[in-house]
N, C-alpha and C. Protein backbone atom coordinates (compact mmCIF):
# COMPACT_ATOMS: atom_id res chain seq x y z
N MET A 1 -14.37 21.37 120.28
CA MET A 1 -15.18 20.65 119.30
C MET A 1 -14.95 19.15 119.42
N THR A 2 -16.04 18.39 119.45
CA THR A 2 -15.93 16.94 119.55
C THR A 2 -15.71 16.34 118.17
N ILE A 3 -14.76 15.44 118.06
CA ILE A 3 -14.46 14.75 116.80
C ILE A 3 -15.20 13.41 116.80
N ARG A 4 -16.10 13.23 115.87
CA ARG A 4 -16.90 12.00 115.80
C ARG A 4 -16.21 11.02 114.85
N VAL A 5 -15.95 9.82 115.35
CA VAL A 5 -15.15 8.84 114.61
C VAL A 5 -15.90 7.52 114.47
N VAL A 6 -15.81 6.93 113.29
CA VAL A 6 -16.24 5.54 113.08
C VAL A 6 -14.98 4.70 112.99
N VAL A 7 -14.91 3.64 113.77
CA VAL A 7 -13.74 2.75 113.79
C VAL A 7 -14.06 1.50 112.98
N ALA A 8 -13.30 1.28 111.89
CA ALA A 8 -13.51 0.13 111.03
C ALA A 8 -12.31 -0.82 111.13
N GLU A 9 -12.51 -1.94 111.77
CA GLU A 9 -11.46 -2.93 112.02
C GLU A 9 -12.12 -4.29 112.21
N ASP A 10 -11.69 -5.30 111.44
CA ASP A 10 -12.38 -6.58 111.49
C ASP A 10 -12.02 -7.43 112.71
N GLN A 11 -10.85 -7.21 113.30
CA GLN A 11 -10.47 -7.98 114.49
C GLN A 11 -11.08 -7.32 115.73
N SER A 12 -11.99 -8.03 116.37
CA SER A 12 -12.75 -7.45 117.47
C SER A 12 -11.86 -6.96 118.62
N ALA A 13 -10.80 -7.71 118.93
CA ALA A 13 -9.92 -7.32 120.04
C ALA A 13 -9.17 -6.04 119.70
N VAL A 14 -8.69 -5.95 118.47
CA VAL A 14 -7.97 -4.74 118.04
C VAL A 14 -8.94 -3.56 118.01
N ARG A 15 -10.14 -3.80 117.48
CA ARG A 15 -11.14 -2.73 117.42
C ARG A 15 -11.48 -2.22 118.82
N ALA A 16 -11.65 -3.14 119.76
CA ALA A 16 -11.97 -2.75 121.13
C ALA A 16 -10.86 -1.90 121.73
N GLY A 17 -9.61 -2.25 121.41
CA GLY A 17 -8.48 -1.47 121.91
C GLY A 17 -8.45 -0.07 121.33
N LEU A 18 -8.73 0.03 120.02
CA LEU A 18 -8.77 1.34 119.37
C LEU A 18 -9.87 2.22 119.96
N VAL A 19 -11.03 1.61 120.17
CA VAL A 19 -12.16 2.34 120.73
C VAL A 19 -11.83 2.83 122.14
N LEU A 20 -11.21 1.96 122.93
CA LEU A 20 -10.85 2.33 124.30
C LEU A 20 -9.90 3.52 124.32
N ILE A 21 -8.91 3.48 123.43
CA ILE A 21 -7.94 4.58 123.37
C ILE A 21 -8.62 5.88 122.96
N LEU A 22 -9.45 5.82 121.93
CA LEU A 22 -10.09 7.03 121.43
C LEU A 22 -11.04 7.62 122.47
N ARG A 23 -11.74 6.77 123.17
CA ARG A 23 -12.69 7.25 124.18
C ARG A 23 -11.99 7.85 125.40
N SER A 24 -10.69 7.59 125.53
CA SER A 24 -9.95 8.17 126.65
C SER A 24 -9.65 9.65 126.41
N ALA A 25 -9.82 10.09 125.15
CA ALA A 25 -9.60 11.50 124.81
C ALA A 25 -10.91 12.26 124.96
N GLY A 26 -10.88 13.34 125.69
CA GLY A 26 -12.11 14.07 125.98
C GLY A 26 -12.78 14.69 124.77
N ASP A 27 -12.02 14.91 123.71
CA ASP A 27 -12.58 15.58 122.53
C ASP A 27 -12.92 14.63 121.40
N ILE A 28 -12.86 13.30 121.64
CA ILE A 28 -13.16 12.32 120.60
C ILE A 28 -14.33 11.45 121.02
N GLU A 29 -15.30 11.30 120.13
CA GLU A 29 -16.46 10.44 120.37
C GLU A 29 -16.47 9.32 119.33
N VAL A 30 -16.54 8.07 119.77
CA VAL A 30 -16.66 6.95 118.85
C VAL A 30 -18.14 6.82 118.49
N ALA A 31 -18.48 7.25 117.28
CA ALA A 31 -19.89 7.27 116.85
C ALA A 31 -20.38 5.90 116.39
N GLY A 32 -19.45 5.04 115.95
CA GLY A 32 -19.86 3.72 115.47
C GLY A 32 -18.66 2.81 115.27
N GLU A 33 -18.93 1.51 115.19
CA GLU A 33 -17.90 0.51 114.97
C GLU A 33 -18.30 -0.39 113.81
N ALA A 34 -17.34 -0.70 112.95
CA ALA A 34 -17.60 -1.55 111.79
C ALA A 34 -16.60 -2.69 111.75
N ALA A 35 -17.09 -3.88 111.38
CA ALA A 35 -16.24 -5.06 111.32
C ALA A 35 -15.81 -5.39 109.89
N ASP A 36 -16.31 -4.63 108.90
CA ASP A 36 -15.91 -4.84 107.51
C ASP A 36 -16.11 -3.55 106.73
N GLY A 37 -15.63 -3.55 105.51
CA GLY A 37 -15.68 -2.34 104.70
C GLY A 37 -17.08 -1.90 104.34
N GLU A 38 -17.95 -2.84 104.04
CA GLU A 38 -19.32 -2.48 103.69
C GLU A 38 -20.02 -1.79 104.85
N GLU A 39 -19.81 -2.33 106.05
CA GLU A 39 -20.42 -1.72 107.23
C GLU A 39 -19.83 -0.34 107.49
N ALA A 40 -18.55 -0.18 107.22
CA ALA A 40 -17.91 1.13 107.40
C ALA A 40 -18.55 2.18 106.51
N VAL A 41 -18.80 1.83 105.25
CA VAL A 41 -19.43 2.76 104.32
C VAL A 41 -20.87 3.05 104.76
N ARG A 42 -21.57 2.01 105.18
CA ARG A 42 -22.96 2.19 105.61
C ARG A 42 -23.04 3.13 106.81
N LEU A 43 -22.15 2.92 107.79
CA LEU A 43 -22.15 3.77 108.98
C LEU A 43 -21.75 5.21 108.64
N ALA A 44 -20.80 5.34 107.72
CA ALA A 44 -20.39 6.69 107.31
C ALA A 44 -21.56 7.44 106.68
N ARG A 45 -22.35 6.73 105.88
CA ARG A 45 -23.52 7.36 105.26
C ARG A 45 -24.58 7.72 106.30
N ALA A 46 -24.75 6.84 107.27
CA ALA A 46 -25.82 7.04 108.25
C ALA A 46 -25.44 8.05 109.32
N LEU A 47 -24.18 8.02 109.75
CA LEU A 47 -23.76 8.83 110.89
C LEU A 47 -23.05 10.13 110.52
N ARG A 48 -22.52 10.20 109.30
CA ARG A 48 -21.76 11.37 108.84
C ARG A 48 -20.72 11.80 109.89
N PRO A 49 -19.79 10.92 110.23
CA PRO A 49 -18.76 11.26 111.21
C PRO A 49 -17.76 12.25 110.62
N ASP A 50 -16.90 12.78 111.47
CA ASP A 50 -15.83 13.64 110.97
C ASP A 50 -14.73 12.82 110.33
N LEU A 51 -14.57 11.59 110.81
CA LEU A 51 -13.43 10.78 110.37
C LEU A 51 -13.76 9.30 110.49
N VAL A 52 -13.26 8.51 109.54
CA VAL A 52 -13.32 7.05 109.63
C VAL A 52 -11.90 6.54 109.82
N LEU A 53 -11.69 5.81 110.89
CA LEU A 53 -10.40 5.14 111.13
C LEU A 53 -10.51 3.78 110.45
N MET A 54 -9.80 3.60 109.34
CA MET A 54 -10.05 2.48 108.43
C MET A 54 -8.87 1.51 108.33
N ASP A 55 -9.14 0.27 108.72
CA ASP A 55 -8.16 -0.80 108.49
C ASP A 55 -8.18 -1.14 107.00
N VAL A 56 -7.07 -1.58 106.44
CA VAL A 56 -7.06 -1.88 105.00
C VAL A 56 -7.48 -3.30 104.69
N GLN A 57 -7.21 -4.23 105.57
CA GLN A 57 -7.53 -5.64 105.31
C GLN A 57 -8.78 -6.03 106.07
N MET A 58 -9.91 -6.01 105.36
CA MET A 58 -11.19 -6.37 105.97
C MET A 58 -12.00 -7.21 105.02
N PRO A 59 -12.91 -8.04 105.53
CA PRO A 59 -13.75 -8.88 104.68
C PRO A 59 -14.85 -8.08 103.98
N ARG A 60 -15.48 -8.72 103.01
CA ARG A 60 -16.61 -8.18 102.24
C ARG A 60 -16.21 -7.02 101.35
N LEU A 61 -15.59 -6.00 101.92
CA LEU A 61 -15.09 -4.87 101.14
C LEU A 61 -13.82 -4.39 101.83
N ASP A 62 -12.71 -4.38 101.09
CA ASP A 62 -11.44 -4.00 101.72
C ASP A 62 -11.42 -2.51 102.03
N GLY A 63 -10.46 -2.12 102.88
CA GLY A 63 -10.39 -0.74 103.34
C GLY A 63 -10.13 0.27 102.25
N VAL A 64 -9.37 -0.13 101.22
CA VAL A 64 -9.08 0.79 100.12
C VAL A 64 -10.36 1.10 99.34
N SER A 65 -11.12 0.06 99.03
CA SER A 65 -12.38 0.26 98.30
C SER A 65 -13.38 1.04 99.14
N ALA A 66 -13.41 0.75 100.44
CA ALA A 66 -14.32 1.47 101.34
C ALA A 66 -13.90 2.94 101.43
N THR A 67 -12.60 3.19 101.49
CA THR A 67 -12.09 4.57 101.52
C THR A 67 -12.52 5.31 100.27
N ARG A 68 -12.40 4.66 99.13
CA ARG A 68 -12.77 5.29 97.86
C ARG A 68 -14.23 5.73 97.89
N GLN A 69 -15.11 4.88 98.40
CA GLN A 69 -16.53 5.22 98.45
C GLN A 69 -16.81 6.35 99.43
N VAL A 70 -16.20 6.27 100.61
CA VAL A 70 -16.42 7.29 101.64
C VAL A 70 -15.96 8.66 101.15
N VAL A 71 -14.78 8.71 100.53
CA VAL A 71 -14.23 9.98 100.06
C VAL A 71 -15.01 10.50 98.85
N ALA A 72 -15.33 9.61 97.93
CA ALA A 72 -16.05 10.02 96.72
C ALA A 72 -17.40 10.63 97.05
N GLU A 73 -18.05 10.12 98.08
CA GLU A 73 -19.36 10.63 98.48
C GLU A 73 -19.27 11.80 99.47
N GLY A 74 -18.04 12.16 99.84
CA GLY A 74 -17.85 13.28 100.76
C GLY A 74 -18.41 13.02 102.14
N LEU A 75 -18.34 11.77 102.59
CA LEU A 75 -18.96 11.40 103.87
C LEU A 75 -18.09 11.74 105.06
N ALA A 76 -16.77 11.63 104.91
CA ALA A 76 -15.85 11.86 106.03
C ALA A 76 -14.42 11.83 105.52
N ASP A 77 -13.50 12.33 106.34
CA ASP A 77 -12.08 12.11 106.07
C ASP A 77 -11.74 10.69 106.51
N VAL A 78 -10.69 10.13 105.94
CA VAL A 78 -10.31 8.76 106.26
C VAL A 78 -8.85 8.71 106.72
N LEU A 79 -8.65 8.11 107.88
CA LEU A 79 -7.32 7.84 108.41
C LEU A 79 -7.10 6.33 108.31
N VAL A 80 -6.16 5.92 107.49
CA VAL A 80 -5.95 4.50 107.20
C VAL A 80 -4.94 3.89 108.17
N LEU A 81 -5.29 2.72 108.68
CA LEU A 81 -4.38 1.93 109.49
C LEU A 81 -3.69 0.93 108.58
N THR A 82 -2.37 0.94 108.57
CA THR A 82 -1.63 0.05 107.69
C THR A 82 -0.47 -0.59 108.43
N THR A 83 0.18 -1.53 107.78
CA THR A 83 1.36 -2.17 108.34
C THR A 83 2.56 -1.80 107.50
N PHE A 84 3.73 -1.95 108.06
CA PHE A 84 4.96 -1.46 107.44
C PHE A 84 5.24 -2.06 106.07
N ASP A 85 4.82 -3.32 105.85
CA ASP A 85 5.24 -4.01 104.64
C ASP A 85 4.13 -4.17 103.60
N LEU A 86 3.12 -3.32 103.64
CA LEU A 86 2.02 -3.45 102.69
C LEU A 86 1.91 -2.20 101.82
N ASP A 87 2.94 -1.94 101.03
CA ASP A 87 2.99 -0.74 100.21
C ASP A 87 1.81 -0.63 99.25
N GLU A 88 1.37 -1.77 98.71
CA GLU A 88 0.29 -1.71 97.72
C GLU A 88 -0.97 -1.12 98.31
N TYR A 89 -1.19 -1.34 99.59
CA TYR A 89 -2.36 -0.76 100.24
C TYR A 89 -2.17 0.74 100.45
N VAL A 90 -0.96 1.14 100.78
CA VAL A 90 -0.69 2.56 100.99
C VAL A 90 -0.97 3.34 99.71
N PHE A 91 -0.45 2.88 98.58
CA PHE A 91 -0.65 3.58 97.33
C PHE A 91 -2.11 3.51 96.88
N GLY A 92 -2.75 2.37 97.14
CA GLY A 92 -4.17 2.24 96.80
C GLY A 92 -5.01 3.22 97.59
N ALA A 93 -4.73 3.32 98.89
CA ALA A 93 -5.48 4.24 99.75
C ALA A 93 -5.17 5.69 99.39
N LEU A 94 -3.94 5.97 98.99
CA LEU A 94 -3.56 7.31 98.56
C LEU A 94 -4.40 7.72 97.37
N ARG A 95 -4.50 6.85 96.37
CA ARG A 95 -5.30 7.16 95.19
C ARG A 95 -6.79 7.27 95.54
N ALA A 96 -7.19 6.52 96.55
CA ALA A 96 -8.61 6.54 96.95
C ALA A 96 -8.97 7.81 97.69
N GLY A 97 -7.97 8.59 98.12
CA GLY A 97 -8.24 9.87 98.76
C GLY A 97 -8.09 9.90 100.26
N ALA A 98 -7.41 8.90 100.84
CA ALA A 98 -7.20 8.91 102.29
C ALA A 98 -6.43 10.16 102.71
N SER A 99 -6.77 10.68 103.88
CA SER A 99 -6.13 11.90 104.37
C SER A 99 -4.92 11.61 105.25
N GLY A 100 -4.78 10.37 105.70
CA GLY A 100 -3.66 10.04 106.57
C GLY A 100 -3.39 8.55 106.62
N PHE A 101 -2.16 8.22 107.01
CA PHE A 101 -1.74 6.82 107.12
C PHE A 101 -1.02 6.64 108.44
N LEU A 102 -1.48 5.68 109.23
CA LEU A 102 -0.90 5.43 110.54
C LEU A 102 -0.59 3.95 110.67
N LEU A 103 0.59 3.65 111.20
CA LEU A 103 0.94 2.25 111.40
C LEU A 103 0.14 1.64 112.55
N LYS A 104 -0.16 0.36 112.42
CA LYS A 104 -0.98 -0.31 113.43
C LYS A 104 -0.28 -0.42 114.78
N ASP A 105 1.04 -0.31 114.79
CA ASP A 105 1.74 -0.42 116.06
C ASP A 105 1.92 0.94 116.74
N ALA A 106 1.22 1.97 116.26
CA ALA A 106 1.30 3.29 116.88
C ALA A 106 0.77 3.21 118.31
N ASP A 107 1.36 3.99 119.20
CA ASP A 107 0.89 3.97 120.58
C ASP A 107 -0.34 4.86 120.73
N ALA A 108 -0.91 4.88 121.93
CA ALA A 108 -2.16 5.61 122.18
C ALA A 108 -2.03 7.09 121.86
N ALA A 109 -0.94 7.70 122.30
CA ALA A 109 -0.76 9.13 122.07
C ALA A 109 -0.66 9.44 120.58
N GLN A 110 0.03 8.58 119.83
CA GLN A 110 0.17 8.80 118.39
C GLN A 110 -1.18 8.66 117.68
N LEU A 111 -1.98 7.68 118.11
CA LEU A 111 -3.29 7.47 117.51
C LEU A 111 -4.19 8.69 117.73
N ILE A 112 -4.25 9.15 118.96
CA ILE A 112 -5.09 10.30 119.29
C ILE A 112 -4.62 11.54 118.54
N ALA A 113 -3.31 11.75 118.50
CA ALA A 113 -2.76 12.91 117.78
C ALA A 113 -3.07 12.84 116.29
N ALA A 114 -3.00 11.64 115.72
CA ALA A 114 -3.29 11.46 114.29
C ALA A 114 -4.74 11.79 113.98
N VAL A 115 -5.65 11.33 114.83
CA VAL A 115 -7.07 11.62 114.63
C VAL A 115 -7.31 13.12 114.69
N ARG A 116 -6.72 13.78 115.65
CA ARG A 116 -6.89 15.23 115.78
C ARG A 116 -6.31 15.97 114.57
N THR A 117 -5.16 15.51 114.09
CA THR A 117 -4.51 16.16 112.95
C THR A 117 -5.37 16.06 111.70
N VAL A 118 -5.85 14.86 111.40
CA VAL A 118 -6.68 14.68 110.20
C VAL A 118 -8.01 15.41 110.34
N ALA A 119 -8.58 15.42 111.54
CA ALA A 119 -9.85 16.11 111.77
C ALA A 119 -9.71 17.62 111.56
N ARG A 120 -8.51 18.15 111.75
CA ARG A 120 -8.26 19.58 111.50
C ARG A 120 -8.13 19.89 110.01
N GLY A 121 -8.14 18.86 109.20
CA GLY A 121 -7.99 19.06 107.77
C GLY A 121 -6.56 18.95 107.29
N GLU A 122 -5.68 18.48 108.16
CA GLU A 122 -4.28 18.31 107.79
C GLU A 122 -4.03 16.89 107.30
N GLY A 123 -3.01 16.71 106.46
CA GLY A 123 -2.62 15.38 106.05
C GLY A 123 -1.63 14.80 107.03
N LEU A 124 -1.55 13.48 107.09
CA LEU A 124 -0.61 12.83 108.00
C LEU A 124 -0.14 11.51 107.42
N ILE A 125 1.18 11.32 107.43
CA ILE A 125 1.75 10.04 107.02
C ILE A 125 2.75 9.62 108.09
N ALA A 126 2.60 8.41 108.61
CA ALA A 126 3.53 7.91 109.61
C ALA A 126 4.95 7.95 109.04
N PRO A 127 5.94 8.32 109.86
CA PRO A 127 7.32 8.43 109.37
C PRO A 127 7.82 7.20 108.61
N ALA A 128 7.49 6.01 109.11
CA ALA A 128 7.95 4.80 108.43
C ALA A 128 7.32 4.68 107.04
N VAL A 129 6.06 5.08 106.92
CA VAL A 129 5.39 5.05 105.62
C VAL A 129 6.01 6.09 104.70
N THR A 130 6.35 7.25 105.25
CA THR A 130 7.00 8.30 104.46
C THR A 130 8.29 7.79 103.85
N ARG A 131 9.06 7.05 104.64
CA ARG A 131 10.33 6.50 104.12
C ARG A 131 10.06 5.56 102.95
N ARG A 132 9.00 4.77 103.04
CA ARG A 132 8.69 3.86 101.95
C ARG A 132 8.25 4.64 100.70
N LEU A 133 7.50 5.71 100.90
CA LEU A 133 7.08 6.53 99.76
C LEU A 133 8.30 7.16 99.08
N ILE A 134 9.22 7.68 99.89
CA ILE A 134 10.43 8.28 99.33
C ILE A 134 11.22 7.23 98.55
N ALA A 135 11.29 6.02 99.08
CA ALA A 135 11.99 4.93 98.39
C ALA A 135 11.36 4.65 97.04
N GLU A 136 10.03 4.73 96.98
CA GLU A 136 9.34 4.49 95.72
C GLU A 136 9.68 5.57 94.70
N PHE A 137 9.81 6.83 95.16
CA PHE A 137 10.16 7.91 94.25
C PHE A 137 11.57 7.72 93.70
N ALA A 138 12.43 7.07 94.49
CA ALA A 138 13.81 6.85 94.06
C ALA A 138 13.93 5.63 93.16
N ASP A 139 12.89 4.82 93.10
CA ASP A 139 12.91 3.59 92.31
C ASP A 139 12.83 3.94 90.82
N PRO A 140 13.50 3.16 89.96
CA PRO A 140 13.43 3.45 88.52
C PRO A 140 12.02 3.39 87.97
N LYS A 141 11.15 2.56 88.57
CA LYS A 141 9.78 2.44 88.09
C LYS A 141 8.81 2.63 89.25
N PRO A 142 8.77 3.80 89.84
CA PRO A 142 7.90 4.02 90.99
C PRO A 142 6.43 4.06 90.60
N VAL A 143 5.58 3.89 91.59
CA VAL A 143 4.15 4.04 91.37
C VAL A 143 3.87 5.53 91.35
N ARG A 144 3.30 6.03 90.26
CA ARG A 144 3.16 7.47 90.10
C ARG A 144 1.69 7.91 90.24
N VAL A 145 1.52 9.11 90.74
CA VAL A 145 0.22 9.75 90.72
C VAL A 145 0.19 10.61 89.47
N PRO A 146 -0.79 10.43 88.57
CA PRO A 146 -0.81 11.19 87.32
C PRO A 146 -0.75 12.70 87.56
N VAL A 147 0.02 13.40 86.72
CA VAL A 147 0.15 14.85 86.84
C VAL A 147 -0.99 15.51 86.07
N PRO A 148 -1.90 16.21 86.74
CA PRO A 148 -3.04 16.82 86.07
C PRO A 148 -2.58 17.96 85.17
N ALA A 149 -3.24 18.09 84.02
CA ALA A 149 -2.92 19.21 83.12
C ALA A 149 -3.28 20.53 83.78
N SER A 150 -4.20 20.48 84.75
CA SER A 150 -4.66 21.70 85.41
C SER A 150 -3.61 22.35 86.29
N VAL A 151 -2.44 21.74 86.42
CA VAL A 151 -1.35 22.36 87.19
C VAL A 151 -1.03 23.73 86.60
N GLU A 152 -1.14 23.85 85.29
CA GLU A 152 -0.83 25.12 84.63
C GLU A 152 -1.79 26.23 85.04
N SER A 153 -2.96 25.85 85.59
CA SER A 153 -3.94 26.86 85.98
C SER A 153 -3.64 27.48 87.34
N LEU A 154 -2.67 26.93 88.05
CA LEU A 154 -2.33 27.45 89.37
C LEU A 154 -1.65 28.81 89.26
N THR A 155 -2.00 29.70 90.17
CA THR A 155 -1.32 30.98 90.23
C THR A 155 0.06 30.76 90.86
N PRO A 156 0.97 31.72 90.74
CA PRO A 156 2.28 31.57 91.38
C PRO A 156 2.16 31.30 92.88
N ARG A 157 1.23 31.98 93.54
CA ARG A 157 1.06 31.78 94.97
C ARG A 157 0.55 30.37 95.26
N GLU A 158 -0.35 29.88 94.44
CA GLU A 158 -0.88 28.52 94.63
C GLU A 158 0.19 27.47 94.39
N ARG A 159 1.11 27.76 93.46
CA ARG A 159 2.23 26.84 93.26
C ARG A 159 3.14 26.82 94.49
N GLU A 160 3.30 27.98 95.11
CA GLU A 160 4.08 28.03 96.34
C GLU A 160 3.41 27.20 97.44
N VAL A 161 2.10 27.31 97.52
CA VAL A 161 1.35 26.54 98.52
C VAL A 161 1.48 25.05 98.23
N LEU A 162 1.40 24.68 96.96
CA LEU A 162 1.57 23.27 96.59
C LEU A 162 2.95 22.78 97.00
N GLY A 163 3.96 23.62 96.81
CA GLY A 163 5.31 23.25 97.23
C GLY A 163 5.39 23.02 98.73
N CYS A 164 4.68 23.88 99.49
CA CYS A 164 4.65 23.71 100.94
C CYS A 164 3.97 22.40 101.33
N LEU A 165 2.91 22.06 100.62
CA LEU A 165 2.23 20.78 100.87
C LEU A 165 3.18 19.62 100.60
N GLY A 166 4.03 19.79 99.59
CA GLY A 166 5.00 18.76 99.28
C GLY A 166 6.00 18.54 100.39
N GLU A 167 6.20 19.57 101.21
CA GLU A 167 7.09 19.45 102.37
C GLU A 167 6.35 18.96 103.61
N GLY A 168 5.04 18.75 103.45
CA GLY A 168 4.26 18.26 104.58
C GLY A 168 3.90 19.32 105.60
N LEU A 169 3.91 20.59 105.19
CA LEU A 169 3.62 21.67 106.13
C LEU A 169 2.13 21.76 106.44
N SER A 170 1.81 22.12 107.66
CA SER A 170 0.43 22.35 108.07
C SER A 170 -0.01 23.72 107.59
N ASN A 171 -1.31 24.03 107.73
CA ASN A 171 -1.79 25.36 107.34
C ASN A 171 -1.07 26.45 108.11
N ALA A 172 -0.87 26.22 109.41
CA ALA A 172 -0.19 27.21 110.23
C ALA A 172 1.24 27.42 109.76
N GLU A 173 1.92 26.34 109.41
CA GLU A 173 3.31 26.44 108.95
C GLU A 173 3.38 27.10 107.58
N ILE A 174 2.39 26.82 106.72
CA ILE A 174 2.34 27.47 105.41
C ILE A 174 2.16 28.98 105.59
N ALA A 175 1.29 29.34 106.54
CA ALA A 175 1.03 30.76 106.81
C ALA A 175 2.31 31.48 107.22
N VAL A 176 3.10 30.84 108.08
CA VAL A 176 4.36 31.44 108.52
C VAL A 176 5.35 31.52 107.36
N ARG A 177 5.47 30.43 106.60
CA ARG A 177 6.42 30.37 105.49
C ARG A 177 6.12 31.46 104.45
N LEU A 178 4.83 31.62 104.12
CA LEU A 178 4.45 32.52 103.04
C LEU A 178 3.95 33.87 103.55
N GLU A 179 4.06 34.08 104.86
CA GLU A 179 3.70 35.35 105.47
C GLU A 179 2.26 35.76 105.14
N MET A 180 1.34 34.91 105.55
CA MET A 180 -0.08 35.18 105.35
C MET A 180 -0.86 34.68 106.56
N ALA A 181 -2.12 35.05 106.64
CA ALA A 181 -2.96 34.56 107.74
C ALA A 181 -3.23 33.07 107.55
N GLU A 182 -3.42 32.36 108.66
CA GLU A 182 -3.68 30.92 108.56
C GLU A 182 -4.96 30.65 107.78
N ALA A 183 -5.98 31.49 107.96
CA ALA A 183 -7.24 31.32 107.22
C ALA A 183 -7.00 31.46 105.72
N THR A 184 -6.10 32.39 105.35
CA THR A 184 -5.77 32.58 103.93
C THR A 184 -5.05 31.35 103.39
N ALA A 185 -4.14 30.79 104.19
CA ALA A 185 -3.42 29.58 103.78
C ALA A 185 -4.40 28.44 103.55
N LYS A 186 -5.36 28.32 104.46
CA LYS A 186 -6.36 27.26 104.33
C LYS A 186 -7.17 27.42 103.05
N THR A 187 -7.52 28.67 102.72
CA THR A 187 -8.26 28.94 101.49
C THR A 187 -7.44 28.57 100.27
N HIS A 188 -6.16 28.92 100.27
CA HIS A 188 -5.29 28.58 99.14
C HIS A 188 -5.18 27.06 98.98
N VAL A 189 -5.05 26.34 100.09
CA VAL A 189 -4.96 24.88 100.02
C VAL A 189 -6.23 24.31 99.39
N SER A 190 -7.37 24.81 99.82
CA SER A 190 -8.64 24.33 99.26
C SER A 190 -8.73 24.59 97.77
N ARG A 191 -8.25 25.76 97.33
CA ARG A 191 -8.29 26.09 95.90
C ARG A 191 -7.36 25.20 95.10
N VAL A 192 -6.18 24.93 95.67
CA VAL A 192 -5.22 24.05 94.99
C VAL A 192 -5.83 22.66 94.79
N LEU A 193 -6.42 22.11 95.86
CA LEU A 193 -7.02 20.79 95.76
C LEU A 193 -8.16 20.77 94.74
N ALA A 194 -8.96 21.84 94.74
CA ALA A 194 -10.09 21.91 93.81
C ALA A 194 -9.61 22.01 92.37
N LYS A 195 -8.63 22.87 92.11
CA LYS A 195 -8.14 23.05 90.75
C LYS A 195 -7.50 21.77 90.21
N LEU A 196 -6.79 21.06 91.08
CA LEU A 196 -6.08 19.86 90.64
C LEU A 196 -6.95 18.60 90.75
N GLU A 197 -8.18 18.79 91.24
CA GLU A 197 -9.12 17.68 91.40
C GLU A 197 -8.52 16.57 92.25
N LEU A 198 -7.88 16.98 93.34
CA LEU A 198 -7.29 16.04 94.28
C LEU A 198 -8.21 15.91 95.49
N ARG A 199 -8.18 14.73 96.10
CA ARG A 199 -9.09 14.47 97.21
C ARG A 199 -8.48 14.73 98.58
N SER A 200 -7.17 14.87 98.64
CA SER A 200 -6.56 15.07 99.96
C SER A 200 -5.24 15.81 99.84
N ARG A 201 -4.79 16.34 100.97
CA ARG A 201 -3.49 17.01 101.04
C ARG A 201 -2.36 16.02 100.76
N VAL A 202 -2.57 14.77 101.12
CA VAL A 202 -1.53 13.76 100.90
C VAL A 202 -1.30 13.58 99.41
N GLN A 203 -2.38 13.52 98.63
CA GLN A 203 -2.23 13.43 97.18
C GLN A 203 -1.50 14.65 96.64
N ALA A 204 -1.82 15.82 97.19
CA ALA A 204 -1.16 17.06 96.75
C ALA A 204 0.33 17.00 97.07
N ALA A 205 0.67 16.46 98.24
CA ALA A 205 2.08 16.36 98.63
C ALA A 205 2.85 15.47 97.66
N VAL A 206 2.25 14.34 97.28
CA VAL A 206 2.91 13.43 96.35
C VAL A 206 3.07 14.10 94.98
N LEU A 207 2.04 14.80 94.54
CA LEU A 207 2.11 15.50 93.26
C LEU A 207 3.21 16.55 93.28
N ALA A 208 3.31 17.27 94.38
CA ALA A 208 4.36 18.29 94.50
C ALA A 208 5.74 17.66 94.38
N GLN A 209 5.89 16.49 94.96
CA GLN A 209 7.17 15.77 94.84
C GLN A 209 7.41 15.38 93.39
N GLU A 210 6.35 14.94 92.72
CA GLU A 210 6.46 14.56 91.30
C GLU A 210 6.94 15.75 90.46
N LEU A 211 6.43 16.92 90.79
CA LEU A 211 6.75 18.13 90.01
C LEU A 211 8.07 18.75 90.43
N GLY A 212 8.64 18.26 91.51
CA GLY A 212 9.90 18.82 92.00
C GLY A 212 9.75 20.18 92.64
N LEU A 213 8.55 20.46 93.16
CA LEU A 213 8.31 21.77 93.80
C LEU A 213 8.86 21.79 95.21
């Protein structure tokens, strides 16, 4: 299956490099390129790609706001490009529903793997970003994702699935852990996200950490 991607990056040289890397993968097609957030949203609406590779710092409309629009309209999954020291963007993109976070200094193999992972419906957070998120949870006043009252509506099995998401497990790994078919695990994940009104597995993972699951 070909993964159709829109690349949103305001620096033309960086964007050209990202496009070159993605096009080197036989299963990835660059469907469009955007130089700002507004163009990224417009292309997502017009092209309906599988994924938008979204820089956070862009003119006209920043990547977080663009992510919010793309996710809210169900246009595509979003893989956010961020830098190590911009936590406010990470949390903003998390709330906006981004499915993954990748550092800008990731190499070609990491970029391609990240696109494939998010396109499969899995969440992804770069290890360095994960460390920053963990640090925030340890902080006396961390940035919190609100705990939905609908958590009580989860079945015991769905709570187990949510706990697995909190560990960052893929559908295949959840299936092994809970001794079920991978398709069943995928269905449970979808139900958990729907019941909790969450936009991505990443949000579910953070919530699971909040709940201590």
